[in-house]
Amino acid sequence: MRRLFSFLAFAIISSAYCNDGMFYSNGGNLMPMKETSIEMQKEVLFLKRIPDGFEVNVYFEFYNPGETRDEIVGFVTPPSSDEAFMDEDLPGSVSRKGLPLRHPFINEFMVMVNGQLLPYEVARFDSTGFNSEVAGSESGFDYVYYFNVHFQHGKNIIQHHYIFKGFSSIYEERFNYRLTTGKMWSKDAIGDFELYIEAPETYMRVPATFYNDNRPALWQIMGIGKLADENYAGWGNTFMRSGLLRFQSINFAPDYDLTITIPSQHIILEELPKFNPGLELPFMMDLLYTTDSEYEYDFEEYSNETIQMLINYLYVKHGLLIKNEEAATIFKNCIWYIPDPNLKADQIQLSEQEQRILNALVAERSKRKQK
């Protein structure tokens, strides 16, 4: 007798998220299957950026029109590979023999069904079905967090929580969430879909569309931020100072999954010449260093103007109003430039990396004044 597998999934740096699909067990393997009666009537996805990546909370409402059913439901993550465990659990090795199977970037996973926390197990596929509008298909393996669900007649509520560290490189952090499996339920769509992203002080790129026919994704800002238009020359398309970024859709049947991409500091700075023809910048990848000593000599070749511009940037990106109009002009066309006339420099809390960069820039400027 084959057993049905319903899949919930959400995945966030590529970071990963995912929702539901239906599967069955065949010879010990999980195989995709179309569910024909149980509907996914509602999904509310809430992503909150934290220092370790994203905190993910997902709420699902399913409707079972028939009799009570016991099924195995699974949360399908976006892909990862064994190499992701390098320098994490076993430094210098990708072997995880004897360790519990889990997605390398998912921690604190919990699942609640109709008000009760449930135990779960983890399986891994040999490939992935993740598909991004920006990045296309991903490499690696899908992981499945699966658990037993007693589907009562009528409404059933399933909730997930986890921390996703995501995938990162020297250029960007990338976070994914698996949306397309929502079409595997009855009616081929998510009846009512809501997505909320809380990512203060974040410049990012979110999908311009979720559909093969390029229908635009209609994002809304609930708070302070900016959405770029299609002619924006910058790397990203969204900046959030505070509040929430929201996407809503009825009968949502996406062709693409969700990808959120956040650029590194040097990528943001390398955009400035696009808005300022003739502006020349040094090699901005120096800004990736992690200790003060690594910065000690790297700013010696920067011009005085560049050093001041970088100091301004560290505060401008957090909303400081630059009163010198000429200095402010460099940033005015960037969507992340939202000056707050009420904000003072001493009210801004720089990140550890930003503070290291500022210390080195100020030290270099002071050294020149002493000559």
Protein backbone atom coordinates (compact mmCIF):
# COMPACT_ATOMS: atom_id res chain seq x y z
CA MET A 1 0.00 0.00 0.00
CA ARG A 2 1.49 3.33 -0.98
CA ARG A 3 1.46 6.23 1.46
CA LEU A 4 0.62 9.78 0.41
CA PHE A 5 3.04 12.58 1.23
CA SER A 6 1.81 16.18 1.40
CA PHE A 7 4.57 18.73 1.33
CA LEU A 8 4.86 22.07 3.09
CA ALA A 9 7.95 24.04 2.56
CA PHE A 10 9.62 27.34 2.92
CA ALA A 11 13.20 28.26 2.41
CA ILE A 12 15.94 32.04 2.91
CA ILE A 13 21.95 34.01 1.73
CA SER A 14 21.17 31.21 -1.84
CA SER A 15 19.07 30.97 1.41
CA ALA A 16 16.03 28.72 1.29
CA TYR A 17 12.25 28.62 2.00
CA CYS A 18 9.38 26.37 0.71
CA ASN A 19 5.63 25.39 0.80
CA ASP A 20 3.49 22.27 0.12
CA GLY A 21 3.27 19.47 -2.39
CA MET A 22 1.87 15.92 -2.38
CA PHE A 23 4.08 12.80 -2.47
CA TYR A 24 3.81 9.04 -2.09
CA SER A 25 6.23 6.36 -0.96
CA ASN A 26 7.34 3.87 -3.57
CA GLY A 27 10.01 1.33 -2.59
CA GLY A 28 11.25 3.63 0.18
CA ASN A 29 11.52 6.66 -2.12
CA LEU A 30 9.38 9.80 -2.05
CA MET A 31 7.68 10.53 -5.36
CA PRO A 32 5.66 13.64 -6.31
CA MET A 33 1.93 13.18 -6.64
CA LYS A 34 -0.97 15.51 -7.46
CA GLU A 35 -3.51 15.90 -4.64
CA THR A 36 -7.06 16.09 -6.01
CA SER A 37 -9.26 16.82 -2.99
CA ILE A 38 -7.47 18.69 -0.18
CA GLU A 39 -7.11 22.42 -0.95
CA MET A 40 -4.43 24.81 0.23
CA GLN A 41 -6.78 27.68 0.96
CA LYS A 42 -4.32 30.05 2.59
CA GLU A 43 -0.59 30.58 3.10
CA VAL A 44 0.92 33.42 5.12
CA LEU A 45 4.71 33.61 4.89
CA PHE A 46 6.59 35.94 7.26
CA LEU A 47 10.34 36.44 6.85
CA LYS A 48 12.27 38.47 9.42
CA ARG A 49 15.92 39.30 8.86
CA ILE A 50 18.13 38.56 11.87
CA PRO A 51 21.95 38.50 12.30
CA ASP A 52 22.06 34.76 11.53
CA GLY A 53 19.95 34.98 8.35
CA PHE A 54 16.16 34.93 8.39
CA GLU A 55 13.61 33.81 10.94
CA VAL A 56 10.87 32.05 9.01
CA ASN A 57 7.28 31.60 10.15
CA VAL A 58 4.66 30.04 7.88
CA TYR A 59 0.91 29.60 8.38
CA PHE A 60 -1.15 27.25 6.18
CA GLU A 61 -4.87 26.58 6.06
CA PHE A 62 -5.97 23.40 4.30
CA TYR A 63 -9.53 22.32 3.60
CA ASN A 64 -10.41 18.64 3.55
CA PRO A 65 -13.90 18.23 2.01
CA GLY A 66 -14.02 14.50 2.66
CA GLU A 67 -13.65 12.13 5.54
CA THR A 68 -10.80 12.17 8.07
CA ARG A 69 -7.47 11.12 6.53
CA ASP A 70 -4.05 10.32 7.96
CA GLU A 71 -1.22 11.43 5.68
CA ILE A 72 2.49 12.14 5.80
CA VAL A 73 3.10 15.83 5.13
CA GLY A 74 6.51 17.21 4.29
CA PHE A 75 8.21 20.58 4.10
CA VAL A 76 10.39 20.68 0.95
CA THR A 77 13.38 22.99 1.25
CA PRO A 78 15.29 24.69 -1.52
CA PRO A 79 18.44 22.85 -2.52
CA SER A 80 21.78 22.55 -0.80
CA SER A 81 24.73 20.16 -1.08
CA ASP A 82 27.04 18.24 1.23
CA GLU A 83 29.77 20.82 0.62
CA ALA A 84 27.66 23.30 2.61
CA PHE A 85 28.72 21.43 5.76
CA MET A 86 32.36 22.35 5.23
CA ASP A 87 33.74 24.24 8.25
CA GLU A 88 30.44 23.85 10.11
CA ASP A 89 29.89 20.50 11.83
CA LEU A 90 33.11 18.81 10.79
CA PRO A 91 35.77 21.36 9.77
CA GLY A 92 37.75 20.22 6.77
CA SER A 93 35.36 17.38 5.93
CA VAL A 94 32.00 16.95 4.21
CA SER A 95 31.39 13.60 5.90
CA ARG A 96 28.40 13.54 8.27
CA LYS A 97 28.36 9.84 9.16
CA GLY A 98 26.71 9.32 12.52
CA LEU A 99 25.15 12.80 12.54
CA PRO A 100 21.40 13.42 12.13
CA LEU A 101 20.36 14.26 8.58
CA ARG A 102 19.33 17.90 8.20
CA HIS A 103 19.53 20.80 5.79
CA PRO A 104 22.90 22.48 6.42
CA PHE A 105 21.38 25.94 6.83
CA ILE A 106 18.14 25.20 8.70
CA ASN A 107 18.05 25.33 12.51
CA GLU A 108 15.32 25.32 15.16
CA PHE A 109 12.76 23.70 12.85
CA MET A 110 9.35 23.18 14.46
CA VAL A 111 5.98 22.11 13.09
CA MET A 112 2.55 22.54 14.69
CA VAL A 113 -0.63 20.92 13.34
CA ASN A 114 -4.01 22.03 14.66
CA GLY A 115 -2.37 23.42 17.80
CA GLN A 116 -0.06 20.49 18.58
CA LEU A 117 3.73 20.35 18.08
CA LEU A 118 4.72 17.22 16.18
CA PRO A 119 7.89 15.13 15.82
CA TYR A 120 9.44 15.06 12.35
CA GLU A 121 12.05 13.26 10.30
CA VAL A 122 14.30 14.42 7.46
CA ALA A 123 14.92 12.86 4.04
CA ARG A 124 16.97 14.02 1.08
CA PHE A 125 16.21 13.88 -2.65
CA ASP A 126 18.88 13.29 -5.28
CA SER A 127 18.02 16.48 -7.18
CA THR A 128 15.98 19.69 -6.92
CA GLY A 129 12.95 21.24 -8.58
CA PHE A 130 13.71 24.77 -7.44
CA ASN A 131 13.26 27.38 -10.20
CA SER A 132 14.11 31.07 -9.84
CA GLU A 133 13.07 33.94 -12.10
CA VAL A 134 16.55 35.44 -11.63
CA ALA A 135 18.89 32.49 -11.13
CA GLY A 136 17.02 29.76 -13.01
CA SER A 137 17.30 26.22 -11.69
CA GLU A 138 19.56 25.61 -8.70
CA SER A 139 22.05 22.80 -8.12
CA GLY A 140 22.15 20.50 -5.11
CA PHE A 141 19.54 18.43 -3.28
CA ASP A 142 16.09 19.12 -1.85
CA TYR A 143 15.61 18.15 1.78
CA VAL A 144 12.21 17.08 3.15
CA TYR A 145 11.12 17.59 6.76
CA TYR A 146 8.16 15.21 7.04
CA PHE A 147 5.62 14.35 9.74
CA ASN A 148 2.28 12.57 10.27
CA VAL A 149 -0.87 14.67 9.94
CA HIS A 150 -4.41 13.72 10.93
CA PHE A 151 -6.50 15.68 8.39
CA GLN A 152 -9.87 16.21 10.03
CA HIS A 153 -12.91 17.10 7.93
CA GLY A 154 -12.93 20.82 7.18
CA LYS A 155 -10.17 23.31 8.06
CA ASN A 156 -6.72 22.16 9.15
CA ILE A 157 -3.93 24.52 10.23
CA ILE A 158 -0.23 23.74 9.81
CA GLN A 159 2.48 26.12 11.04
CA HIS A 160 6.26 26.09 10.65
CA HIS A 161 9.09 27.93 12.33
CA TYR A 162 12.82 27.80 11.63
CA ILE A 163 16.00 29.85 11.27
CA PHE A 164 17.59 29.88 7.85
CA LYS A 165 21.23 30.94 7.55
CA GLY A 166 21.13 30.92 3.78
CA PHE A 167 23.90 30.87 1.18
CA SER A 168 26.49 33.61 0.77
CA SER A 169 29.43 34.61 -1.39
CA ILE A 170 31.74 37.62 -1.57
CA TYR A 171 29.16 39.25 -3.84
CA GLU A 172 25.81 38.55 -2.22
CA GLU A 173 23.59 36.63 0.15
CA ARG A 174 20.78 34.68 -1.46
CA PHE A 175 17.59 33.40 0.18
CA ASN A 176 15.05 31.11 -1.52
CA TYR A 177 11.56 29.93 -0.75
CA ARG A 178 9.82 27.10 -2.61
CA LEU A 179 6.46 28.41 -3.86
CA THR A 180 5.73 26.31 -6.94
CA THR A 181 4.82 23.17 -4.99
CA GLY A 182 1.62 24.99 -3.96
CA LYS A 183 0.22 24.03 -7.38
CA MET A 184 0.33 20.34 -6.41
CA TRP A 185 -2.78 20.70 -4.26
CA SER A 186 -6.41 20.61 -5.35
CA LYS A 187 -7.44 23.57 -7.56
CA ASP A 188 -3.79 23.93 -8.71
CA ALA A 189 -3.20 27.09 -6.69
CA ILE A 190 -2.87 28.67 -3.27
CA GLY A 191 -6.29 30.21 -2.62
CA ASP A 192 -5.05 33.24 -0.64
CA PHE A 193 -1.31 33.94 -0.49
CA GLU A 194 0.38 36.61 1.64
CA LEU A 195 4.11 37.27 1.92
CA TYR A 196 5.68 39.69 4.40
CA ILE A 197 9.39 40.53 4.56
CA GLU A 198 10.76 42.43 7.54
CA ALA A 199 14.30 43.50 6.67
CA PRO A 200 15.15 46.94 8.09
CA GLU A 201 18.05 48.88 6.58
CA THR A 202 18.23 46.41 3.70
CA TYR A 203 18.85 46.96 -0.01
CA MET A 204 17.78 43.86 -1.91
CA ARG A 205 16.43 42.32 -5.07
CA VAL A 206 13.09 40.52 -5.01
CA PRO A 207 11.34 38.85 -7.97
CA ALA A 208 9.94 41.21 -10.60
CA THR A 209 7.57 38.42 -11.61
CA PHE A 210 6.47 34.95 -10.51
CA TYR A 211 5.05 33.99 -13.92
CA ASN A 212 6.28 32.75 -17.28
CA ASP A 213 4.26 35.47 -19.03
CA ASN A 214 6.14 38.16 -17.04
CA ARG A 215 3.10 39.56 -15.24
CA PRO A 216 4.61 41.93 -12.68
CA ALA A 217 4.76 41.03 -9.01
CA LEU A 218 2.86 43.84 -7.27
CA TRP A 219 4.93 44.55 -4.18
CA GLN A 220 3.78 47.03 -1.53
CA ILE A 221 5.78 48.82 1.16
CA MET A 222 4.10 49.09 4.55
CA GLY A 223 6.47 51.52 6.23
CA ILE A 224 9.47 53.48 4.97
CA GLY A 225 11.25 52.36 1.82
CA LYS A 226 11.39 52.57 -1.98
CA LEU A 227 10.61 50.33 -4.94
CA ALA A 228 12.63 50.87 -8.10
CA ASP A 229 10.95 51.25 -11.48
CA GLU A 230 11.94 49.18 -14.50
CA ASN A 231 14.45 51.81 -15.65
CA TYR A 232 16.46 51.83 -12.41
CA ALA A 233 20.16 51.31 -13.19
CA GLY A 234 21.09 49.85 -9.82
CA TRP A 235 21.69 46.28 -8.76
CA GLY A 236 18.63 45.86 -6.53
CA ASN A 237 14.99 46.85 -6.86
CA THR A 238 13.88 47.38 -3.25
CA PHE A 239 15.09 49.24 -0.19
CA MET A 240 13.49 48.97 3.23
CA ARG A 241 14.32 51.50 5.93
CA SER A 242 11.67 50.10 8.29
CA GLY A 243 8.34 48.31 8.19
CA LEU A 244 7.27 45.46 5.93
CA LEU A 245 7.47 44.55 2.26
CA ARG A 246 4.23 42.80 1.24
CA PHE A 247 3.06 40.69 -1.68
CA GLN A 248 -0.49 39.33 -1.89
CA SER A 249 -2.29 37.25 -4.50
CA ILE A 250 -5.56 35.34 -4.85
CA ASN A 251 -5.50 31.91 -6.56
CA PHE A 252 -1.73 32.14 -6.65
CA ALA A 253 -0.16 29.65 -9.09
CA PRO A 254 3.47 30.76 -9.55
CA ASP A 255 5.82 29.43 -12.18
CA TYR A 256 8.89 30.69 -10.28
CA ASP A 257 10.00 30.28 -6.69
CA LEU A 258 11.01 33.14 -4.40
CA THR A 259 14.57 34.43 -4.36
CA ILE A 260 15.70 37.32 -2.14
CA THR A 261 19.21 38.58 -2.86
CA ILE A 262 21.17 41.03 -0.69
CA PRO A 263 24.40 42.51 -2.12
CA SER A 264 27.72 42.92 -0.31
CA GLN A 265 28.99 46.40 0.60
CA HIS A 266 31.36 46.70 -2.35
CA ILE A 267 28.62 45.79 -4.83
CA ILE A 268 26.45 48.66 -3.55
CA LEU A 269 29.33 51.12 -3.86
CA GLU A 270 30.22 49.92 -7.34
CA GLU A 271 26.77 51.12 -8.44
CA LEU A 272 27.63 54.77 -7.80
CA PRO A 273 29.45 55.37 -11.14
CA LYS A 274 26.24 54.27 -12.92
CA PHE A 275 24.52 57.33 -11.46
CA ASN A 276 27.58 59.59 -11.59
CA PRO A 277 29.37 59.42 -14.99
CA GLY A 278 33.04 60.20 -14.52
CA LEU A 279 33.15 59.08 -10.88
CA GLU A 280 36.13 56.79 -10.35
CA LEU A 281 36.32 54.42 -7.40
CA PRO A 282 39.17 52.19 -6.21
CA PHE A 283 38.86 48.45 -5.79
CA MET A 284 35.89 48.25 -3.42
CA MET A 285 36.37 44.59 -2.50
CA ASP A 286 38.78 45.84 0.18
CA LEU A 287 35.64 46.54 2.20
CA LEU A 288 35.13 42.81 2.79
CA TYR A 289 37.90 42.52 5.38
CA THR A 290 36.99 41.38 8.87
CA THR A 291 39.70 42.86 11.15
CA ASP A 292 41.01 46.40 11.68
CA SER A 293 44.59 45.34 10.86
CA GLU A 294 43.56 44.17 7.38
CA TYR A 295 42.36 47.69 6.58
CA GLU A 296 45.47 49.40 7.93
CA TYR A 297 47.23 50.09 4.63
CA ASP A 298 44.52 49.53 2.01
CA PHE A 299 43.15 53.07 2.09
CA GLU A 300 46.55 54.76 1.60
CA GLU A 301 46.03 55.05 -2.16
CA TYR A 302 42.49 56.46 -1.84
CA SER A 303 42.10 60.14 -2.63
CA ASN A 304 40.90 62.52 0.08
CA GLU A 305 37.64 62.89 -1.82
CA THR A 306 37.10 59.12 -1.95
CA ILE A 307 37.79 58.73 1.76
CA GLN A 308 35.24 61.42 2.60
CA MET A 309 32.73 59.92 0.21
CA LEU A 310 33.08 56.50 1.87
CA ILE A 311 32.65 58.06 5.33
CA ASN A 312 29.51 59.82 4.07
CA TYR A 313 28.24 56.57 2.57
CA LEU A 314 28.44 54.70 5.88
CA TYR A 315 26.03 57.23 7.41
CA VAL A 316 23.94 58.08 4.35
CA LYS A 317 22.87 54.46 3.88
CA HIS A 318 21.34 54.63 7.37
CA GLY A 319 19.40 57.81 6.60
CA LEU A 320 21.69 60.69 7.60
CA LEU A 321 20.99 63.89 5.68
CA ILE A 322 24.15 65.27 4.06
CA LYS A 323 23.78 69.05 4.09
CA ASN A 324 26.55 69.60 1.56
CA GLU A 325 24.56 69.42 -1.68
CA GLU A 326 27.56 68.50 -3.82
CA ALA A 327 28.44 65.58 -1.53
CA ALA A 328 24.81 64.44 -1.38
CA THR A 329 24.45 64.49 -5.17
CA ILE A 330 26.52 61.32 -5.46
CA PHE A 331 23.84 59.34 -3.63
CA LYS A 332 20.60 61.07 -4.61
CA ASN A 333 19.60 58.68 -7.43
CA CYS A 334 20.07 55.52 -5.33
CA ILE A 335 16.82 54.07 -4.01
CA TRP A 336 18.53 53.37 -0.68
CA TYR A 337 19.13 57.10 -0.16
CA ILE A 338 16.20 58.21 2.01
CA PRO A 339 17.55 61.09 4.15
CA ASP A 340 15.86 61.75 7.48
CA PRO A 341 16.13 65.45 8.51
CA ASN A 342 15.47 64.45 12.14
CA LEU A 343 18.30 61.90 12.37
CA LYS A 344 21.66 62.77 13.98
CA ALA A 345 24.96 60.99 13.29
CA ASP A 346 25.34 59.88 16.93
CA GLN A 347 21.95 58.13 16.73
CA ILE A 348 23.14 55.76 14.00
CA GLN A 349 24.33 52.31 15.05
CA LEU A 350 26.85 51.00 12.55
CA SER A 351 27.43 47.30 12.07
CA GLU A 352 30.73 45.81 13.28
CA GLN A 353 32.07 45.75 9.72
CA GLU A 354 30.95 49.32 9.05
CA GLN A 355 32.61 50.48 12.28
CA ARG A 356 35.88 48.80 11.27
CA ILE A 357 35.78 50.51 7.89
CA LEU A 358 35.01 53.87 9.51
CA ASN A 359 37.88 53.48 12.00
CA ALA A 360 40.35 52.78 9.19
CA LEU A 361 39.09 55.67 7.03
CA VAL A 362 39.24 58.16 9.92
CA ALA A 363 42.70 56.90 10.90
CA GLU A 364 43.97 57.37 7.33
CA ARG A 365 42.48 60.87 7.13
CA SER A 366 44.03 61.84 10.49
CA LYS A 367 47.42 60.47 9.41
CA ARG A 368 47.38 62.72 6.36
CA LYS A 369 46.52 65.80 8.40
CA GLN A 370 49.55 65.20 10.62
CA LYS A 371 51.94 65.29 7.68
